[in-house]
Amino acid sequence: MERRMEEPRRRWWRFMRKFPLPENANTDKISAVCQDGVLTVTVEKLPPPEPKKPKTIQVQVA
């Protein structure tokens, strides 16, 4: 007796999801991984801007 087994067909869909990123998102460091049907998107933050140093102005008194 011979039995033929077929691999079940896998279904796939194309989808797109858009969402706004915060201003401090580093768009050069975005990565995505799909594992076990779960899509994980990782977005790194930019380092905080350096605080501005106060500017010293000399005032001449006449």
PDB file of N, CA and C in Angstrom:
ATOM      1  N   MET A   1       0.854  -1.166   0.000  1.00  0.00           N
ATOM      2  CA  MET A   1       0.000   0.000   0.000  1.00  0.00           C
ATOM      3  C   MET A   1       0.903   1.234   0.000  1.00  0.00           C
ATOM      4  N   GLU A   2       0.650   2.109  -0.911  1.00  0.00           N
ATOM      5  CA  GLU A   2       1.463   3.316  -1.033  1.00  0.00           C
ATOM      6  C   GLU A   2       0.582   4.526  -0.722  1.00  0.00           C
ATOM      7  N   ARG A   3       1.150   5.421   0.045  1.00  0.00           N
ATOM      8  CA  ARG A   3       0.386   6.599   0.432  1.00  0.00           C
ATOM      9  C   ARG A   3       1.150   7.840   0.020  1.00  0.00           C
ATOM     10  N   ARG A   4       0.463   8.746  -0.546  1.00  0.00           N
ATOM     11  CA  ARG A   4       1.120   9.980  -0.980  1.00  0.00           C
ATOM     12  C   ARG A   4       0.681  11.121  -0.062  1.00  0.00           C
ATOM     13  N   MET A   5       1.671  11.765   0.530  1.00  0.00           N
ATOM     14  CA  MET A   5       1.370  12.881   1.431  1.00  0.00           C
ATOM     15  C   MET A   5       1.740  14.182   0.730  1.00  0.00           C
ATOM     16  N   GLU A   6       0.846  15.111   0.780  1.00  0.00           N
ATOM     17  CA  GLU A   6       1.125  16.424   0.204  1.00  0.00           C
ATOM     18  C   GLU A   6       1.304  17.422   1.328  1.00  0.00           C
ATOM     19  N   GLU A   7       2.241  18.297   1.106  1.00  0.00           N
ATOM     20  CA  GLU A   7       2.476  19.356   2.081  1.00  0.00           C
ATOM     21  C   GLU A   7       1.317  20.347   1.990  1.00  0.00           C
ATOM     22  N   PRO A   8       0.767  20.742   3.122  1.00  0.00           N
ATOM     23  CA  PRO A   8      -0.346  21.705   3.051  1.00  0.00           C
ATOM     24  C   PRO A   8       0.123  23.028   2.448  1.00  0.00           C
ATOM     25  N   ARG A   9      -0.748  23.604   1.684  1.00  0.00           N
ATOM     26  CA  ARG A   9      -0.400  24.889   1.051  1.00  0.00           C
ATOM     27  C   ARG A   9      -0.408  25.995   2.096  1.00  0.00           C
ATOM     28  N   ARG A  10       0.547  26.822   1.962  1.00  0.00           N
ATOM     29  CA  ARG A  10       0.624  27.965   2.878  1.00  0.00           C
ATOM     30  C   ARG A  10      -0.002  29.166   2.191  1.00  0.00           C
ATOM     31  N   ARG A  11      -0.809  29.844   2.911  1.00  0.00           N
ATOM     32  CA  ARG A  11      -1.439  31.048   2.368  1.00  0.00           C
ATOM     33  C   ARG A  11      -0.666  32.265   2.859  1.00  0.00           C
ATOM     34  N   TRP A  12      -0.624  33.263   2.032  1.00  0.00           N
ATOM     35  CA  TRP A  12       0.034  34.500   2.422  1.00  0.00           C
ATOM     36  C   TRP A  12      -0.759  35.661   1.858  1.00  0.00           C
ATOM     37  N   TRP A  13      -0.671  36.761   2.535  1.00  0.00           N
ATOM     38  CA  TRP A  13      -1.358  37.972   2.125  1.00  0.00           C
ATOM     39  C   TRP A  13      -0.366  39.115   2.154  1.00  0.00           C
ATOM     40  N   ARG A  14      -0.605  40.046   1.278  1.00  0.00           N
ATOM     41  CA  ARG A  14       0.192  41.268   1.284  1.00  0.00           C
ATOM     42  C   ARG A  14      -0.613  42.304   2.067  1.00  0.00           C
ATOM     43  N   PHE A  15       0.051  42.983   2.935  1.00  0.00           N
ATOM     44  CA  PHE A  15      -0.621  44.040   3.685  1.00  0.00           C
ATOM     45  C   PHE A  15       0.360  45.175   3.911  1.00  0.00           C
ATOM     46  N   MET A  16      -0.203  46.332   4.235  1.00  0.00           N
ATOM     47  CA  MET A  16       0.622  47.502   4.507  1.00  0.00           C
ATOM     48  C   MET A  16      -0.013  48.237   5.675  1.00  0.00           C
ATOM     49  N   ARG A  17       0.829  48.678   6.580  1.00  0.00           N
ATOM     50  CA  ARG A  17       0.363  49.448   7.719  1.00  0.00           C
ATOM     51  C   ARG A  17       1.276  50.645   7.860  1.00  0.00           C
ATOM     52  N   LYS A  18       0.701  51.824   7.945  1.00  0.00           N
ATOM     53  CA  LYS A  18       1.484  53.049   8.117  1.00  0.00           C
ATOM     54  C   LYS A  18       1.159  53.644   9.479  1.00  0.00           C
ATOM     55  N   PHE A  19       2.189  54.172  10.114  1.00  0.00           N
ATOM     56  CA  PHE A  19       1.967  54.874  11.369  1.00  0.00           C
ATOM     57  C   PHE A  19       3.031  55.950  11.511  1.00  0.00           C
ATOM     58  N   PRO A  20       2.681  57.062  12.156  1.00  0.00           N
ATOM     59  CA  PRO A  20       3.655  58.155  12.306  1.00  0.00           C
ATOM     60  C   PRO A  20       4.730  57.777  13.324  1.00  0.00           C
ATOM     61  N   LEU A  21       5.924  58.248  13.051  1.00  0.00           N
ATOM     62  CA  LEU A  21       7.037  58.033  13.974  1.00  0.00           C
ATOM     63  C   LEU A  21       7.277  59.311  14.771  1.00  0.00           C
ATOM     64  N   PRO A  22       7.736  59.188  15.997  1.00  0.00           N
ATOM     65  CA  PRO A  22       8.055  60.394  16.766  1.00  0.00           C
ATOM     66  C   PRO A  22       9.254  61.115  16.163  1.00  0.00           C
ATOM     67  N   GLU A  23       9.385  62.376  16.497  1.00  0.00           N
ATOM     68  CA  GLU A  23      10.470  63.190  15.935  1.00  0.00           C
ATOM     69  C   GLU A  23      11.850  62.661  16.319  1.00  0.00           C
ATOM     70  N   ASN A  24      11.946  61.982  17.451  1.00  0.00           N
ATOM     71  CA  ASN A  24      13.256  61.491  17.885  1.00  0.00           C
ATOM     72  C   ASN A  24      13.545  60.071  17.378  1.00  0.00           C
ATOM     73  N   ALA A  25      12.806  59.599  16.374  1.00  0.00           N
ATOM     74  CA  ALA A  25      13.048  58.270  15.799  1.00  0.00           C
ATOM     75  C   ALA A  25      14.211  58.334  14.819  1.00  0.00           C
ATOM     76  N   ASN A  26      15.118  57.387  14.922  1.00  0.00           N
ATOM     77  CA  ASN A  26      16.256  57.301  14.006  1.00  0.00           C
ATOM     78  C   ASN A  26      15.824  56.428  12.830  1.00  0.00           C
ATOM     79  N   THR A  27      15.435  57.055  11.727  1.00  0.00           N
ATOM     80  CA  THR A  27      14.900  56.309  10.584  1.00  0.00           C
ATOM     81  C   THR A  27      15.961  55.473   9.882  1.00  0.00           C
ATOM     82  N   ASP A  28      17.234  55.703  10.187  1.00  0.00           N
ATOM     83  CA  ASP A  28      18.299  54.872   9.613  1.00  0.00           C
ATOM     84  C   ASP A  28      18.479  53.570  10.393  1.00  0.00           C
ATOM     85  N   LYS A  29      17.868  53.459  11.539  1.00  0.00           N
ATOM     86  CA  LYS A  29      18.053  52.292  12.408  1.00  0.00           C
ATOM     87  C   LYS A  29      16.728  51.572  12.677  1.00  0.00           C
ATOM     88  N   ILE A  30      15.897  51.405  11.650  1.00  0.00           N
ATOM     89  CA  ILE A  30      14.642  50.671  11.794  1.00  0.00           C
ATOM     90  C   ILE A  30      14.874  49.241  11.326  1.00  0.00           C
ATOM     91  N   SER A  31      14.376  48.286  12.098  1.00  0.00           N
ATOM     92  CA  SER A  31      14.496  46.881  11.696  1.00  0.00           C
ATOM     93  C   SER A  31      13.163  46.185  11.945  1.00  0.00           C
ATOM     94  N   ALA A  32      12.927  45.098  11.209  1.00  0.00           N
ATOM     95  CA  ALA A  32      11.697  44.326  11.370  1.00  0.00           C
ATOM     96  C   ALA A  32      12.016  42.847  11.240  1.00  0.00           C
ATOM     97  N   VAL A  33      11.347  42.042  12.071  1.00  0.00           N
ATOM     98  CA  VAL A  33      11.523  40.593  12.058  1.00  0.00           C
ATOM     99  C   VAL A  33      10.143  39.955  12.149  1.00  0.00           C
ATOM    100  N   CYS A  34       9.896  38.970  11.303  1.00  0.00           N
ATOM    101  CA  CYS A  34       8.649  38.214  11.371  1.00  0.00           C
ATOM    102  C   CYS A  34       8.987  36.808  11.853  1.00  0.00           C
ATOM    103  N   GLN A  35       8.452  36.437  13.020  1.00  0.00           N
ATOM    104  CA  GLN A  35       8.748  35.129  13.595  1.00  0.00           C
ATOM    105  C   GLN A  35       7.464  34.541  14.170  1.00  0.00           C
ATOM    106  N   ASP A  36       7.148  33.339  13.778  1.00  0.00           N
ATOM    107  CA  ASP A  36       5.939  32.643  14.225  1.00  0.00           C
ATOM    108  C   ASP A  36       4.683  33.461  13.948  1.00  0.00           C
ATOM    109  N   GLY A  37       4.671  34.163  12.828  1.00  0.00           N
ATOM    110  CA  GLY A  37       3.498  34.944  12.435  1.00  0.00           C
ATOM    111  C   GLY A  37       3.371  36.283  13.128  1.00  0.00           C
ATOM    112  N   VAL A  38       4.372  36.669  13.905  1.00  0.00           N
ATOM    113  CA  VAL A  38       4.332  37.951  14.619  1.00  0.00           C
ATOM    114  C   VAL A  38       5.395  38.862  14.032  1.00  0.00           C
ATOM    115  N   LEU A  39       4.968  40.031  13.581  1.00  0.00           N
ATOM    116  CA  LEU A  39       5.892  41.023  13.035  1.00  0.00           C
ATOM    117  C   LEU A  39       6.296  41.976  14.149  1.00  0.00           C
ATOM    118  N   THR A  40       7.605  42.074  14.386  1.00  0.00           N
ATOM    119  CA  THR A  40       8.129  42.983  15.404  1.00  0.00           C
ATOM    120  C   THR A  40       8.960  44.048  14.710  1.00  0.00           C
ATOM    121  N   VAL A  41       8.566  45.302  14.879  1.00  0.00           N
ATOM    122  CA  VAL A  41       9.278  46.433  14.287  1.00  0.00           C
ATOM    123  C   VAL A  41       9.987  47.168  15.417  1.00  0.00           C
ATOM    124  N   THR A  42      11.283  47.409  15.237  1.00  0.00           N
ATOM    125  CA  THR A  42      12.083  48.098  16.251  1.00  0.00           C
ATOM    126  C   THR A  42      12.603  49.404  15.669  1.00  0.00           C
ATOM    127  N   VAL A  43      12.354  50.489  16.384  1.00  0.00           N
ATOM    128  CA  VAL A  43      12.799  51.818  15.950  1.00  0.00           C
ATOM    129  C   VAL A  43      13.644  52.408  17.070  1.00  0.00           C
ATOM    130  N   GLU A  44      14.904  52.683  16.765  1.00  0.00           N
ATOM    131  CA  GLU A  44      15.785  53.281  17.770  1.00  0.00           C
ATOM    132  C   GLU A  44      15.512  54.776  17.875  1.00  0.00           C
ATOM    133  N   LYS A  45      15.772  55.307  19.059  1.00  0.00           N
ATOM    134  CA  LYS A  45      15.619  56.745  19.282  1.00  0.00           C
ATOM    135  C   LYS A  45      16.939  57.447  19.001  1.00  0.00           C
ATOM    136  N   LEU A  46      16.851  58.677  18.541  1.00  0.00           N
ATOM    137  CA  LEU A  46      18.041  59.511  18.391  1.00  0.00           C
ATOM    138  C   LEU A  46      18.498  59.951  19.775  1.00  0.00           C
ATOM    139  N   PRO A  47      19.796  60.174  19.963  1.00  0.00           N
ATOM    140  CA  PRO A  47      20.235  60.675  21.271  1.00  0.00           C
ATOM    141  C   PRO A  47      19.649  62.069  21.503  1.00  0.00           C
ATOM    142  N   PRO A  48      19.399  62.410  22.761  1.00  0.00           N
ATOM    143  CA  PRO A  48      18.836  63.738  23.027  1.00  0.00           C
ATOM    144  C   PRO A  48      19.809  64.826  22.588  1.00  0.00           C
ATOM    145  N   PRO A  49      19.275  65.943  22.117  1.00  0.00           N
ATOM    146  CA  PRO A  49      20.173  67.026  21.694  1.00  0.00           C
ATOM    147  C   PRO A  49      20.938  67.579  22.890  1.00  0.00           C
ATOM    148  N   GLU A  50      22.154  68.001  22.609  1.00  0.00           N
ATOM    149  CA  GLU A  50      22.961  68.588  23.680  1.00  0.00           C
ATOM    150  C   GLU A  50      22.347  69.920  24.084  1.00  0.00           C
ATOM    151  N   PRO A  51      22.327  70.198  25.386  1.00  0.00           N
ATOM    152  CA  PRO A  51      21.772  71.482  25.818  1.00  0.00           C
ATOM    153  C   PRO A  51      22.633  72.627  25.287  1.00  0.00           C
ATOM    154  N   LYS A  52      21.967  73.686  24.882  1.00  0.00           N
ATOM    155  CA  LYS A  52      22.699  74.842  24.354  1.00  0.00           C
ATOM    156  C   LYS A  52      23.426  75.548  25.491  1.00  0.00           C
ATOM    157  N   LYS A  53      24.677  75.878  25.229  1.00  0.00           N
ATOM    158  CA  LYS A  53      25.463  76.600  26.217  1.00  0.00           C
ATOM    159  C   LYS A  53      25.073  78.073  26.145  1.00  0.00           C
ATOM    160  N   PRO A  54      24.986  78.717  27.301  1.00  0.00           N
ATOM    161  CA  PRO A  54      24.653  80.149  27.274  1.00  0.00           C
ATOM    162  C   PRO A  54      25.756  80.943  26.578  1.00  0.00           C
ATOM    163  N   LYS A  55      25.338  81.904  25.809  1.00  0.00           N
ATOM    164  CA  LYS A  55      26.288  82.745  25.092  1.00  0.00           C
ATOM    165  C   LYS A  55      26.616  83.959  25.971  1.00  0.00           C
ATOM    166  N   THR A  56      27.902  84.210  26.131  1.00  0.00           N
ATOM    167  CA  THR A  56      28.344  85.343  26.940  1.00  0.00           C
ATOM    168  C   THR A  56      28.662  86.511  26.018  1.00  0.00           C
ATOM    169  N   ILE A  57      28.059  87.647  26.320  1.00  0.00           N
ATOM    170  CA  ILE A  57      28.295  88.865  25.532  1.00  0.00           C
ATOM    171  C   ILE A  57      28.910  89.902  26.468  1.00  0.00           C
ATOM    172  N   GLN A  58      30.016  90.474  26.018  1.00  0.00           N
ATOM    173  CA  GLN A  58      30.664  91.510  26.814  1.00  0.00           C
ATOM    174  C   GLN A  58      29.928  92.827  26.589  1.00  0.00           C
ATOM    175  N   VAL A  59      29.618  93.490  27.679  1.00  0.00           N
ATOM    176  CA  VAL A  59      28.932  94.778  27.606  1.00  0.00           C
ATOM    177  C   VAL A  59      29.907  95.844  28.091  1.00  0.00           C
ATOM    178  N   GLN A  60      30.121  96.857  27.236  1.00  0.00           N
ATOM    179  CA  GLN A  60      31.013  97.949  27.618  1.00  0.00           C
ATOM    180  C   GLN A  60      30.178  99.064  28.243  1.00  0.00           C
ATOM    181  N   VAL A  61      30.641  99.521  29.362  1.00  0.00           N
ATOM    182  CA  VAL A  61      29.955 100.606  30.056  1.00  0.00           C
ATOM    183  C   VAL A  61      30.769 101.872  29.835  1.00  0.00           C
ATOM    184  N   ALA A  62      30.092 102.916  29.340  1.00  0.00           N
ATOM    185  CA  ALA A  62      30.800 104.165  29.058  1.00  0.00           C
ATOM    186  C   ALA A  62      30.654 105.143  30.182  1.00  0.00           C
TER     187      ALA A  62
END
